[in-house]
Amino acid sequence: MTKKKSILDHIMAGIGYMLPLVVAGGILMGVGYMLDNPAVNPAHYGYNNVYAKFFSTIGSKTFNFMLPVLSAGIAYSIAGISVIPSALMAGAIVKDGTSGFLGALFVGFITGYLTLLIKKLLRKIPSSLDGLRSLLLIPLLTVIMTGLITLFAVEPVIGQINTLLNSFLKSLNGSSQILLGSLLGGMQSVDMGGPVNKTAYLFATSSLANGQYTLMSAVLAGGIVPPYVTAFASTIFKNKFTKEERARGITNYVVGLAGITETGIPFLVSDPLRVMAACIPGSAIAGGLSIYLHCSVMAPFGGIFILPLNSNPLGFLIAIISGIIVGTIILGLLKKTVAPE
């Protein structure tokens, strides 16, 4: 008998499809910024020469498939291949809209279970018309119904939540910059690529247009912390992580160089309270120290690859390392020993 999948299984399946896009796209974008000179044209940073433009273009195109593939991966785990058209469509809507990562999760589940319902309703169609049912009726009906739900329910509701988060951050802009940097940095680890993470990132990105470069440095510092906290903790405290988690930790050593926070999601999903309790303080320390040490950067992505572009490279490293040390110690202390494999 096949074991029934849980909600967590479906989420992990979607993340499994999404992560390669995030990793490849993020690293390529980082290389693009590293090969460019922001002094040439700050408004087109990352695209000012042919080499930077090549890496930035293919990196951003790859990265932009993240949310549609997340939705499609979750839906596919639930209902099989017939969900792909509607799930990709819904994921593209939330990517271009305001509901973002959280919206992509919702439409993945909505599409999957809606497809199961439609399959059940259409099962009385004669077997001679199976081709018509699977190639036309199911995809067409799910695309229409999922589109309606996404546009008129998911986007307005989840988008409003993201808007409120952004408004809250703007209200803090005049307060202590160190406090704001800590908050933005800590938000990177709340959901590691989800709506809270992306709200902080977009807030820092918008500040670049106003000539405010310190907040972006704080966000990038906070975003580098989770991959390395999970990597170091799974290496140092081996008896508290499964074999699969230790393997993921090794991968995070490399991927973390590009500041790809999403690689910490599998650890977050499997043990959310302990991982958040460790990574959020670590990221907050990194973000706050980045502001305190007068770090600033014009590049909106790139992790360690854009270190030479930071106004204070040494300070940026100190901020990151401090956050990683604190987060690793906390996670090592909080995690429980796992059963021998």
C-alpha atoms as a PDB file:
ATOM      1  CA  MET A   1       0.000   0.000   0.000  1.00  0.00           C
ATOM      2  CA  THR A   2       1.335   3.432  -0.963  1.00  0.00           C
ATOM      3  CA  LYS A   3       1.806   5.742   1.985  1.00  0.00           C
ATOM      4  CA  LYS A   4      -0.494   8.754   1.859  1.00  0.00           C
ATOM      5  CA  LYS A   5       1.451  11.985   1.459  1.00  0.00           C
ATOM      6  CA  SER A   6       1.112  14.755   4.021  1.00  0.00           C
ATOM      7  CA  ILE A   7       0.985  18.508   3.404  1.00  0.00           C
ATOM      8  CA  LEU A   8       4.647  18.654   4.388  1.00  0.00           C
ATOM      9  CA  ASP A   9       5.502  16.000   1.770  1.00  0.00           C
ATOM     10  CA  HIS A  10       3.830  18.085  -0.942  1.00  0.00           C
ATOM     11  CA  ILE A  11       5.665  21.245   0.161  1.00  0.00           C
ATOM     12  CA  MET A  12       9.007  19.429   0.205  1.00  0.00           C
ATOM     13  CA  ALA A  13       8.299  18.072  -3.273  1.00  0.00           C
ATOM     14  CA  GLY A  14       7.657  21.583  -4.578  1.00  0.00           C
ATOM     15  CA  ILE A  15      10.792  22.894  -2.889  1.00  0.00           C
ATOM     16  CA  GLY A  16      12.776  20.046  -4.415  1.00  0.00           C
ATOM     17  CA  TYR A  17      11.761  21.190  -7.899  1.00  0.00           C
ATOM     18  CA  MET A  18      12.294  24.867  -7.061  1.00  0.00           C
ATOM     19  CA  LEU A  19      15.735  24.797  -5.414  1.00  0.00           C
ATOM     20  CA  PRO A  20      17.820  23.946  -8.510  1.00  0.00           C
ATOM     21  CA  LEU A  21      16.377  27.016 -10.234  1.00  0.00           C
ATOM     22  CA  VAL A  22      17.139  29.214  -7.230  1.00  0.00           C
ATOM     23  CA  VAL A  23      20.678  27.888  -6.899  1.00  0.00           C
ATOM     24  CA  ALA A  24      21.611  28.106 -10.577  1.00  0.00           C
ATOM     25  CA  GLY A  25      19.879  31.443 -11.143  1.00  0.00           C
ATOM     26  CA  GLY A  26      21.240  33.018  -7.970  1.00  0.00           C
ATOM     27  CA  ILE A  27      24.838  32.063  -8.637  1.00  0.00           C
ATOM     28  CA  LEU A  28      24.684  33.268 -12.247  1.00  0.00           C
ATOM     29  CA  MET A  29      23.185  36.610 -11.175  1.00  0.00           C
ATOM     30  CA  GLY A  30      25.937  37.003  -8.595  1.00  0.00           C
ATOM     31  CA  VAL A  31      28.588  36.410 -11.256  1.00  0.00           C
ATOM     32  CA  GLY A  32      26.891  39.008 -13.467  1.00  0.00           C
ATOM     33  CA  TYR A  33      27.124  41.690 -10.771  1.00  0.00           C
ATOM     34  CA  MET A  34      30.697  40.699  -9.973  1.00  0.00           C
ATOM     35  CA  LEU A  35      31.737  41.225 -13.615  1.00  0.00           C
ATOM     36  CA  ASP A  36      30.108  44.652 -13.860  1.00  0.00           C
ATOM     37  CA  ASN A  37      31.122  48.149 -12.789  1.00  0.00           C
ATOM     38  CA  PRO A  38      28.257  50.104 -11.163  1.00  0.00           C
ATOM     39  CA  ALA A  39      29.991  53.393 -11.939  1.00  0.00           C
ATOM     40  CA  VAL A  40      29.294  52.929 -15.652  1.00  0.00           C
ATOM     41  CA  ASN A  41      25.522  53.143 -15.267  1.00  0.00           C
ATOM     42  CA  PRO A  42      24.038  52.441 -11.819  1.00  0.00           C
ATOM     43  CA  ALA A  43      20.541  52.078 -13.279  1.00  0.00           C
ATOM     44  CA  HIS A  44      21.680  49.110 -15.403  1.00  0.00           C
ATOM     45  CA  TYR A  45      24.034  47.531 -12.918  1.00  0.00           C
ATOM     46  CA  GLY A  46      24.660  43.937 -13.879  1.00  0.00           C
ATOM     47  CA  TYR A  47      24.034  44.608 -17.592  1.00  0.00           C
ATOM     48  CA  ASN A  48      26.660  47.238 -18.474  1.00  0.00           C
ATOM     49  CA  ASN A  49      28.975  44.951 -20.446  1.00  0.00           C
ATOM     50  CA  VAL A  50      28.495  41.890 -22.603  1.00  0.00           C
ATOM     51  CA  TYR A  51      29.871  39.433 -20.028  1.00  0.00           C
ATOM     52  CA  ALA A  52      27.847  40.767 -17.116  1.00  0.00           C
ATOM     53  CA  LYS A  53      24.734  40.986 -19.289  1.00  0.00           C
ATOM     54  CA  PHE A  54      25.071  37.345 -20.350  1.00  0.00           C
ATOM     55  CA  PHE A  55      25.274  35.974 -16.805  1.00  0.00           C
ATOM     56  CA  SER A  56      22.682  38.373 -15.379  1.00  0.00           C
ATOM     57  CA  THR A  57      20.216  37.633 -18.165  1.00  0.00           C
ATOM     58  CA  ILE A  58      20.328  33.841 -18.018  1.00  0.00           C
ATOM     59  CA  GLY A  59      20.491  33.977 -14.212  1.00  0.00           C
ATOM     60  CA  SER A  60      17.444  36.197 -13.828  1.00  0.00           C
ATOM     61  CA  LYS A  61      15.443  34.218 -16.402  1.00  0.00           C
ATOM     62  CA  THR A  62      16.218  31.003 -14.530  1.00  0.00           C
ATOM     63  CA  PHE A  63      15.460  32.591 -11.152  1.00  0.00           C
ATOM     64  CA  ASN A  64      12.113  33.922 -12.393  1.00  0.00           C
ATOM     65  CA  PHE A  65      10.762  30.388 -12.833  1.00  0.00           C
ATOM     66  CA  MET A  66      11.044  29.831  -9.079  1.00  0.00           C
ATOM     67  CA  LEU A  67       7.430  30.507  -8.044  1.00  0.00           C
ATOM     68  CA  PRO A  68       5.676  28.879 -11.037  1.00  0.00           C
ATOM     69  CA  VAL A  69       7.773  25.722 -10.576  1.00  0.00           C
ATOM     70  CA  LEU A  70       7.113  25.713  -6.808  1.00  0.00           C
ATOM     71  CA  SER A  71       3.364  25.810  -7.463  1.00  0.00           C
ATOM     72  CA  ALA A  72       3.611  23.170 -10.176  1.00  0.00           C
ATOM     73  CA  GLY A  73       5.776  20.909  -8.000  1.00  0.00           C
ATOM     74  CA  ILE A  74       3.301  20.991  -5.114  1.00  0.00           C
ATOM     75  CA  ALA A  75       0.319  20.440  -7.415  1.00  0.00           C
ATOM     76  CA  TYR A  76       2.094  17.628  -9.291  1.00  0.00           C
ATOM     77  CA  SER A  77       2.805  15.870  -5.998  1.00  0.00           C
ATOM     78  CA  ILE A  78      -0.930  15.967  -5.247  1.00  0.00           C
ATOM     79  CA  ALA A  79      -2.590  15.188  -8.573  1.00  0.00           C
ATOM     80  CA  GLY A  80      -0.045  14.214 -11.208  1.00  0.00           C
ATOM     81  CA  ILE A  81       0.934  15.616 -14.571  1.00  0.00           C
ATOM     82  CA  SER A  82      -2.448  17.041 -15.596  1.00  0.00           C
ATOM     83  CA  VAL A  83      -2.003  19.919 -13.108  1.00  0.00           C
ATOM     84  CA  ILE A  84       1.070  21.362 -14.829  1.00  0.00           C
ATOM     85  CA  PRO A  85      -0.667  23.930 -17.130  1.00  0.00           C
ATOM     86  CA  SER A  86      -2.883  25.437 -14.429  1.00  0.00           C
ATOM     87  CA  ALA A  87      -0.227  25.382 -11.706  1.00  0.00           C
ATOM     88  CA  LEU A  88       2.375  27.080 -13.913  1.00  0.00           C
ATOM     89  CA  MET A  89      -0.200  29.668 -14.938  1.00  0.00           C
ATOM     90  CA  ALA A  90      -1.213  30.399 -11.331  1.00  0.00           C
ATOM     91  CA  GLY A  91       2.421  30.534 -10.216  1.00  0.00           C
ATOM     92  CA  ALA A  92       3.178  33.049 -12.969  1.00  0.00           C
ATOM     93  CA  ILE A  93       0.268  35.229 -11.833  1.00  0.00           C
ATOM     94  CA  VAL A  94       1.467  35.384  -8.228  1.00  0.00           C
ATOM     95  CA  LYS A  95       5.059  35.988  -9.399  1.00  0.00           C
ATOM     96  CA  ASP A  96       3.960  39.062 -11.323  1.00  0.00           C
ATOM     97  CA  GLY A  97       1.438  40.073  -8.661  1.00  0.00           C
ATOM     98  CA  THR A  98       1.704  40.891  -4.967  1.00  0.00           C
ATOM     99  CA  SER A  99       1.139  37.593  -3.166  1.00  0.00           C
ATOM    100  CA  GLY A 100       4.589  36.139  -3.953  1.00  0.00           C
ATOM    101  CA  PHE A 101       5.932  33.005  -2.250  1.00  0.00           C
ATOM    102  CA  LEU A 102       2.980  32.489   0.087  1.00  0.00           C
ATOM    103  CA  GLY A 103       0.610  32.878  -2.839  1.00  0.00           C
ATOM    104  CA  ALA A 104       2.570  30.261  -4.789  1.00  0.00           C
ATOM    105  CA  LEU A 105       2.143  27.795  -1.923  1.00  0.00           C
ATOM    106  CA  PHE A 106      -1.601  28.398  -1.787  1.00  0.00           C
ATOM    107  CA  VAL A 107      -2.194  28.064  -5.535  1.00  0.00           C
ATOM    108  CA  GLY A 108      -0.105  24.880  -5.611  1.00  0.00           C
ATOM    109  CA  PHE A 109      -2.439  23.202  -3.137  1.00  0.00           C
ATOM    110  CA  ILE A 110      -5.547  24.759  -4.672  1.00  0.00           C
ATOM    111  CA  THR A 111      -4.608  23.526  -8.135  1.00  0.00           C
ATOM    112  CA  GLY A 112      -3.715  20.051  -6.922  1.00  0.00           C
ATOM    113  CA  TYR A 113      -6.884  19.378  -4.952  1.00  0.00           C
ATOM    114  CA  LEU A 114      -9.092  21.110  -7.513  1.00  0.00           C
ATOM    115  CA  THR A 115      -7.685  18.815 -10.193  1.00  0.00           C
ATOM    116  CA  LEU A 116      -8.433  15.759  -8.056  1.00  0.00           C
ATOM    117  CA  LEU A 117     -12.019  16.967  -7.700  1.00  0.00           C
ATOM    118  CA  ILE A 118     -12.427  17.529 -11.434  1.00  0.00           C
ATOM    119  CA  LYS A 119     -10.942  14.114 -12.187  1.00  0.00           C
ATOM    120  CA  LYS A 120     -13.481  12.573  -9.829  1.00  0.00           C
ATOM    121  CA  LEU A 121     -16.370  14.433 -11.463  1.00  0.00           C
ATOM    122  CA  LEU A 122     -15.268  13.383 -14.952  1.00  0.00           C
ATOM    123  CA  ARG A 123     -14.523   9.737 -14.190  1.00  0.00           C
ATOM    124  CA  LYS A 124     -17.900   8.613 -15.604  1.00  0.00           C
ATOM    125  CA  ILE A 125     -16.894   9.712 -19.089  1.00  0.00           C
ATOM    126  CA  PRO A 126     -16.518   6.596 -21.307  1.00  0.00           C
ATOM    127  CA  SER A 127     -13.016   5.157 -21.500  1.00  0.00           C
ATOM    128  CA  SER A 128     -13.072   5.702 -25.260  1.00  0.00           C
ATOM    129  CA  LEU A 129     -12.913   9.438 -24.520  1.00  0.00           C
ATOM    130  CA  ASP A 130      -9.936   9.246 -22.134  1.00  0.00           C
ATOM    131  CA  GLY A 131      -7.816  11.297 -24.508  1.00  0.00           C
ATOM    132  CA  LEU A 132     -10.413  14.067 -24.613  1.00  0.00           C
ATOM    133  CA  ARG A 133     -10.680  14.048 -20.827  1.00  0.00           C
ATOM    134  CA  SER A 134      -6.953  14.113 -20.039  1.00  0.00           C
ATOM    135  CA  LEU A 135      -5.727  16.358 -22.857  1.00  0.00           C
ATOM    136  CA  LEU A 136      -8.566  18.865 -23.070  1.00  0.00           C
ATOM    137  CA  LEU A 137     -11.236  18.820 -20.382  1.00  0.00           C
ATOM    138  CA  ILE A 138      -9.089  18.519 -17.221  1.00  0.00           C
ATOM    139  CA  PRO A 139      -6.377  21.031 -18.233  1.00  0.00           C
ATOM    140  CA  LEU A 140      -8.902  23.514 -19.624  1.00  0.00           C
ATOM    141  CA  LEU A 141     -11.244  23.400 -16.628  1.00  0.00           C
ATOM    142  CA  THR A 142      -8.415  23.595 -14.075  1.00  0.00           C
ATOM    143  CA  VAL A 143      -6.788  26.530 -15.865  1.00  0.00           C
ATOM    144  CA  ILE A 144     -10.049  28.492 -15.907  1.00  0.00           C
ATOM    145  CA  MET A 145     -11.036  27.711 -12.314  1.00  0.00           C
ATOM    146  CA  THR A 146      -7.551  28.134 -10.867  1.00  0.00           C
ATOM    147  CA  GLY A 147      -7.173  31.410 -12.738  1.00  0.00           C
ATOM    148  CA  LEU A 148     -10.384  32.748 -11.218  1.00  0.00           C
ATOM    149  CA  ILE A 149      -9.401  31.719  -7.689  1.00  0.00           C
ATOM    150  CA  THR A 150      -5.872  33.107  -8.044  1.00  0.00           C
ATOM    151  CA  LEU A 151      -6.904  36.458  -9.485  1.00  0.00           C
ATOM    152  CA  PHE A 152      -9.947  37.131  -7.319  1.00  0.00           C
ATOM    153  CA  ALA A 153      -9.106  35.398  -4.009  1.00  0.00           C
ATOM    154  CA  VAL A 154      -5.430  34.555  -3.509  1.00  0.00           C
ATOM    155  CA  GLU A 155      -3.937  37.729  -4.982  1.00  0.00           C
ATOM    156  CA  PRO A 156      -6.186  40.219  -3.114  1.00  0.00           C
ATOM    157  CA  VAL A 157      -5.926  38.496   0.273  1.00  0.00           C
ATOM    158  CA  ILE A 158      -2.294  37.355   0.362  1.00  0.00           C
ATOM    159  CA  GLY A 159      -1.194  40.457  -1.538  1.00  0.00           C
ATOM    160  CA  GLN A 160      -2.754  42.633   1.157  1.00  0.00           C
ATOM    161  CA  ILE A 161      -0.746  40.809   3.810  1.00  0.00           C
ATOM    162  CA  ASN A 162       2.482  41.529   1.907  1.00  0.00           C
ATOM    163  CA  THR A 163       1.462  45.179   1.476  1.00  0.00           C
ATOM    164  CA  LEU A 164       0.866  45.557   5.216  1.00  0.00           C
ATOM    165  CA  LEU A 165       4.316  44.118   5.968  1.00  0.00           C
ATOM    166  CA  ASN A 166       5.915  46.595   3.584  1.00  0.00           C
ATOM    167  CA  SER A 167       4.007  49.508   5.105  1.00  0.00           C
ATOM    168  CA  PHE A 168       5.186  48.472   8.572  1.00  0.00           C
ATOM    169  CA  LEU A 169       8.802  48.546   7.419  1.00  0.00           C
ATOM    170  CA  LYS A 170       8.377  51.986   5.879  1.00  0.00           C
ATOM    171  CA  SER A 171       7.056  53.276   9.192  1.00  0.00           C
ATOM    172  CA  LEU A 172      10.356  52.248  10.813  1.00  0.00           C
ATOM    173  CA  ASN A 173      12.550  53.959   8.242  1.00  0.00           C
ATOM    174  CA  GLY A 174      13.034  57.038  10.355  1.00  0.00           C
ATOM    175  CA  SER A 175      13.933  55.120  13.514  1.00  0.00           C
ATOM    176  CA  SER A 176      17.277  53.685  14.481  1.00  0.00           C
ATOM    177  CA  GLN A 177      19.009  52.393  11.378  1.00  0.00           C
ATOM    178  CA  ILE A 178      20.721  49.658  13.365  1.00  0.00           C
ATOM    179  CA  LEU A 179      17.358  48.440  14.670  1.00  0.00           C
ATOM    180  CA  LEU A 180      15.929  48.518  11.149  1.00  0.00           C
ATOM    181  CA  GLY A 181      18.960  46.645   9.817  1.00  0.00           C
ATOM    182  CA  SER A 182      18.512  43.979  12.506  1.00  0.00           C
ATOM    183  CA  LEU A 183      14.823  43.662  11.683  1.00  0.00           C
ATOM    184  CA  LEU A 184      15.425  43.356   7.936  1.00  0.00           C
ATOM    185  CA  GLY A 185      18.262  40.907   8.474  1.00  0.00           C
ATOM    186  CA  GLY A 186      16.186  38.772  10.843  1.00  0.00           C
ATOM    187  CA  MET A 187      13.282  38.722   8.399  1.00  0.00           C
ATOM    188  CA  GLN A 188      15.508  36.850   5.950  1.00  0.00           C
ATOM    189  CA  SER A 189      15.358  33.800   8.220  1.00  0.00           C
ATOM    190  CA  VAL A 190      11.681  33.882   9.162  1.00  0.00           C
ATOM    191  CA  ASP A 191      10.611  31.928   6.079  1.00  0.00           C
ATOM    192  CA  MET A 192      13.862  31.835   4.046  1.00  0.00           C
ATOM    193  CA  GLY A 193      12.523  33.050   0.723  1.00  0.00           C
ATOM    194  CA  GLY A 194       8.855  33.361   1.662  1.00  0.00           C
ATOM    195  CA  PRO A 195       6.702  36.503   1.906  1.00  0.00           C
ATOM    196  CA  VAL A 196       8.426  37.897   5.013  1.00  0.00           C
ATOM    197  CA  ASN A 197      11.868  37.366   3.484  1.00  0.00           C
ATOM    198  CA  LYS A 198      10.831  38.871   0.151  1.00  0.00           C
ATOM    199  CA  THR A 199       9.155  41.866   1.803  1.00  0.00           C
ATOM    200  CA  ALA A 200      12.433  42.787   3.501  1.00  0.00           C
ATOM    201  CA  TYR A 201      14.353  42.221   0.277  1.00  0.00           C
ATOM    202  CA  LEU A 202      11.988  44.340  -1.840  1.00  0.00           C
ATOM    203  CA  PHE A 203      12.036  47.096   0.777  1.00  0.00           C
ATOM    204  CA  ALA A 204      15.838  47.188   0.623  1.00  0.00           C
ATOM    205  CA  THR A 205      15.753  47.061  -3.171  1.00  0.00           C
ATOM    206  CA  SER A 206      13.405  50.021  -3.354  1.00  0.00           C
ATOM    207  CA  SER A 207      15.754  51.969  -1.088  1.00  0.00           C
ATOM    208  CA  LEU A 208      18.501  51.649  -3.717  1.00  0.00           C
ATOM    209  CA  ALA A 209      16.514  53.945  -5.994  1.00  0.00           C
ATOM    210  CA  ASN A 210      16.637  56.597  -3.260  1.00  0.00           C
ATOM    211  CA  GLY A 211      20.409  56.314  -2.879  1.00  0.00           C
ATOM    212  CA  GLN A 212      20.142  54.325   0.400  1.00  0.00           C
ATOM    213  CA  TYR A 213      22.606  51.436   0.100  1.00  0.00           C
ATOM    214  CA  THR A 214      23.094  50.384   3.732  1.00  0.00           C
ATOM    215  CA  LEU A 215      19.796  48.488   4.020  1.00  0.00           C
ATOM    216  CA  MET A 216      20.619  46.282   1.052  1.00  0.00           C
ATOM    217  CA  SER A 217      23.907  45.329   2.710  1.00  0.00           C
ATOM    218  CA  ALA A 218      22.002  44.415   5.895  1.00  0.00           C
ATOM    219  CA  VAL A 219      19.518  42.244   3.986  1.00  0.00           C
ATOM    220  CA  LEU A 220      22.238  40.475   2.012  1.00  0.00           C
ATOM    221  CA  ALA A 221      24.205  39.821   5.230  1.00  0.00           C
ATOM    222  CA  GLY A 222      21.126  38.369   6.916  1.00  0.00           C
ATOM    223  CA  GLY A 223      20.363  36.204   3.886  1.00  0.00           C
ATOM    224  CA  ILE A 224      23.777  34.527   3.892  1.00  0.00           C
ATOM    225  CA  VAL A 225      23.434  33.366   7.506  1.00  0.00           C
ATOM    226  CA  PRO A 226      20.814  30.525   7.220  1.00  0.00           C
ATOM    227  CA  PRO A 227      22.686  28.376   4.666  1.00  0.00           C
ATOM    228  CA  TYR A 228      25.837  28.485   6.777  1.00  0.00           C
ATOM    229  CA  VAL A 229      24.130  28.039  10.145  1.00  0.00           C
ATOM    230  CA  THR A 230      22.520  24.841   8.838  1.00  0.00           C
ATOM    231  CA  ALA A 231      25.761  23.796   7.132  1.00  0.00           C
ATOM    232  CA  PHE A 232      28.036  24.278  10.148  1.00  0.00           C
ATOM    233  CA  ALA A 233      25.520  22.915  12.644  1.00  0.00           C
ATOM    234  CA  SER A 234      24.958  19.744  10.602  1.00  0.00           C
ATOM    235  CA  THR A 235      28.739  19.294  10.331  1.00  0.00           C
ATOM    236  CA  ILE A 236      29.682  20.042  13.941  1.00  0.00           C
ATOM    237  CA  PHE A 237      26.678  18.420  15.637  1.00  0.00           C
ATOM    238  CA  LYS A 238      26.436  15.361  13.382  1.00  0.00           C
ATOM    239  CA  ASN A 239      24.450  13.249  15.837  1.00  0.00           C
ATOM    240  CA  LYS A 240      21.621  15.796  15.757  1.00  0.00           C
ATOM    241  CA  PHE A 241      21.019  15.644  12.004  1.00  0.00           C
ATOM    242  CA  THR A 242      20.015  12.856   9.639  1.00  0.00           C
ATOM    243  CA  LYS A 243      22.311  11.621   6.894  1.00  0.00           C
ATOM    244  CA  GLU A 244      20.190  13.449   4.312  1.00  0.00           C
ATOM    245  CA  GLU A 245      20.383  16.701   6.274  1.00  0.00           C
ATOM    246  CA  ARG A 246      24.157  16.418   6.599  1.00  0.00           C
ATOM    247  CA  ALA A 247      24.409  15.996   2.836  1.00  0.00           C
ATOM    248  CA  ARG A 248      22.274  19.109   2.338  1.00  0.00           C
ATOM    249  CA  GLY A 249      24.523  20.953   4.773  1.00  0.00           C
ATOM    250  CA  ILE A 250      27.584  20.215   2.639  1.00  0.00           C
ATOM    251  CA  THR A 251      25.772  21.623  -0.390  1.00  0.00           C
ATOM    252  CA  ASN A 252      24.946  24.774   1.571  1.00  0.00           C
ATOM    253  CA  TYR A 253      28.641  25.561   2.037  1.00  0.00           C
ATOM    254  CA  VAL A 254      28.890  26.182  -1.701  1.00  0.00           C
ATOM    255  CA  VAL A 255      25.436  27.564  -2.425  1.00  0.00           C
ATOM    256  CA  GLY A 256      25.648  29.915   0.562  1.00  0.00           C
ATOM    257  CA  LEU A 257      28.393  31.850  -1.231  1.00  0.00           C
ATOM    258  CA  ALA A 258      25.710  33.283  -3.500  1.00  0.00           C
ATOM    259  CA  GLY A 259      23.541  34.254  -0.512  1.00  0.00           C
ATOM    260  CA  ILE A 260      20.722  31.897  -1.538  1.00  0.00           C
ATOM    261  CA  THR A 261      18.646  31.738   1.631  1.00  0.00           C
ATOM    262  CA  GLU A 262      16.178  29.242   0.164  1.00  0.00           C
ATOM    263  CA  THR A 263      18.638  26.360   0.627  1.00  0.00           C
ATOM    264  CA  GLY A 264      17.803  26.489   4.329  1.00  0.00           C
ATOM    265  CA  ILE A 265      14.120  25.743   3.677  1.00  0.00           C
ATOM    266  CA  PRO A 266      14.394  21.927   3.997  1.00  0.00           C
ATOM    267  CA  PHE A 267      15.872  22.383   7.491  1.00  0.00           C
ATOM    268  CA  LEU A 268      13.195  24.972   8.327  1.00  0.00           C
ATOM    269  CA  VAL A 269      10.346  22.742   7.190  1.00  0.00           C
ATOM    270  CA  SER A 270      11.585  19.670   9.074  1.00  0.00           C
ATOM    271  CA  ASP A 271      12.180  21.519  12.372  1.00  0.00           C
ATOM    272  CA  PRO A 272      10.709  25.036  12.106  1.00  0.00           C
ATOM    273  CA  LEU A 273      10.801  26.217  15.728  1.00  0.00           C
ATOM    274  CA  ARG A 274      14.420  25.294  16.451  1.00  0.00           C
ATOM    275  CA  VAL A 275      15.753  26.433  13.080  1.00  0.00           C
ATOM    276  CA  MET A 276      13.932  29.770  13.310  1.00  0.00           C
ATOM    277  CA  ALA A 277      15.059  30.240  16.918  1.00  0.00           C
ATOM    278  CA  ALA A 278      18.657  29.866  15.747  1.00  0.00           C
ATOM    279  CA  CYS A 279      18.701  31.537  12.345  1.00  0.00           C
ATOM    280  CA  ILE A 280      16.571  34.613  13.079  1.00  0.00           C
ATOM    281  CA  PRO A 281      18.903  35.933  15.848  1.00  0.00           C
ATOM    282  CA  GLY A 282      21.917  35.106  13.684  1.00  0.00           C
ATOM    283  CA  SER A 283      20.529  36.999  10.709  1.00  0.00           C
ATOM    284  CA  ALA A 284      19.414  39.904  12.914  1.00  0.00           C
ATOM    285  CA  ILE A 285      22.932  40.223  14.348  1.00  0.00           C
ATOM    286  CA  ALA A 286      24.414  40.163  10.838  1.00  0.00           C
ATOM    287  CA  GLY A 287      21.995  42.835   9.614  1.00  0.00           C
ATOM    288  CA  GLY A 288      22.471  45.101  12.616  1.00  0.00           C
ATOM    289  CA  LEU A 289      26.271  44.810  12.566  1.00  0.00           C
ATOM    290  CA  SER A 290      26.301  45.557   8.852  1.00  0.00           C
ATOM    291  CA  ILE A 291      24.632  48.909   9.557  1.00  0.00           C
ATOM    292  CA  TYR A 292      26.785  49.564  12.650  1.00  0.00           C
ATOM    293  CA  LEU A 293      29.973  48.974  10.656  1.00  0.00           C
ATOM    294  CA  HIS A 294      28.795  51.338   7.888  1.00  0.00           C
ATOM    295  CA  CYS A 295      28.523  48.671   5.199  1.00  0.00           C
ATOM    296  CA  SER A 296      26.685  49.524   1.990  1.00  0.00           C
ATOM    297  CA  VAL A 297      26.344  47.969  -1.454  1.00  0.00           C
ATOM    298  CA  MET A 298      24.592  48.927  -4.680  1.00  0.00           C
ATOM    299  CA  ALA A 299      24.147  45.363  -5.976  1.00  0.00           C
ATOM    300  CA  PRO A 300      20.742  43.815  -5.133  1.00  0.00           C
ATOM    301  CA  PHE A 301      22.039  40.246  -5.167  1.00  0.00           C
ATOM    302  CA  GLY A 302      25.201  38.172  -5.230  1.00  0.00           C
ATOM    303  CA  GLY A 303      26.248  37.104  -1.737  1.00  0.00           C
ATOM    304  CA  ILE A 304      30.007  36.821  -1.262  1.00  0.00           C
ATOM    305  CA  PHE A 305      30.576  37.282  -4.998  1.00  0.00           C
ATOM    306  CA  ILE A 306      29.922  41.018  -4.656  1.00  0.00           C
ATOM    307  CA  LEU A 307      32.098  41.455  -1.548  1.00  0.00           C
ATOM    308  CA  PRO A 308      34.566  43.763  -3.382  1.00  0.00           C
ATOM    309  CA  LEU A 309      31.660  46.095  -4.177  1.00  0.00           C
ATOM    310  CA  ASN A 310      30.800  46.642  -0.509  1.00  0.00           C
ATOM    311  CA  SER A 311      31.963  49.909   1.023  1.00  0.00           C
ATOM    312  CA  ASN A 312      33.395  47.948   3.970  1.00  0.00           C
ATOM    313  CA  PRO A 313      34.208  44.363   2.852  1.00  0.00           C
ATOM    314  CA  LEU A 314      35.884  43.459   6.150  1.00  0.00           C
ATOM    315  CA  GLY A 315      32.971  44.801   8.178  1.00  0.00           C
ATOM    316  CA  PHE A 316      30.523  42.872   5.991  1.00  0.00           C
ATOM    317  CA  LEU A 317      32.440  39.644   6.639  1.00  0.00           C
ATOM    318  CA  ILE A 318      32.574  40.370  10.385  1.00  0.00           C
ATOM    319  CA  ALA A 319      28.793  40.882  10.430  1.00  0.00           C
ATOM    320  CA  ILE A 320      28.128  37.637   8.553  1.00  0.00           C
ATOM    321  CA  ILE A 321      30.574  35.527  10.558  1.00  0.00           C
ATOM    322  CA  SER A 322      29.188  36.861  13.842  1.00  0.00           C
ATOM    323  CA  GLY A 323      25.656  35.937  12.836  1.00  0.00           C
ATOM    324  CA  ILE A 324      26.720  32.477  11.671  1.00  0.00           C
ATOM    325  CA  ILE A 325      28.572  31.731  14.922  1.00  0.00           C
ATOM    326  CA  VAL A 326      25.626  32.752  17.091  1.00  0.00           C
ATOM    327  CA  GLY A 327      23.092  30.879  14.962  1.00  0.00           C
ATOM    328  CA  THR A 328      25.205  27.711  14.786  1.00  0.00           C
ATOM    329  CA  ILE A 329      25.698  27.577  18.554  1.00  0.00           C
ATOM    330  CA  ILE A 330      21.987  28.107  19.220  1.00  0.00           C
ATOM    331  CA  LEU A 331      20.923  25.463  16.686  1.00  0.00           C
ATOM    332  CA  GLY A 332      23.446  22.974  18.046  1.00  0.00           C
ATOM    333  CA  LEU A 333      22.136  23.478  21.574  1.00  0.00           C
ATOM    334  CA  LEU A 334      18.455  23.322  20.623  1.00  0.00           C
ATOM    335  CA  LYS A 335      18.496  20.329  18.305  1.00  0.00           C
ATOM    336  CA  LYS A 336      17.785  16.912  19.760  1.00  0.00           C
ATOM    337  CA  THR A 337      19.907  13.847  19.059  1.00  0.00           C
ATOM    338  CA  VAL A 338      18.452  11.761  16.243  1.00  0.00           C
ATOM    339  CA  ALA A 339      18.185   7.987  16.284  1.00  0.00           C
ATOM    340  CA  PRO A 340      21.199   6.170  14.744  1.00  0.00           C
ATOM    341  CA  GLU A 341      20.657   5.295  11.081  1.00  0.00           C
END
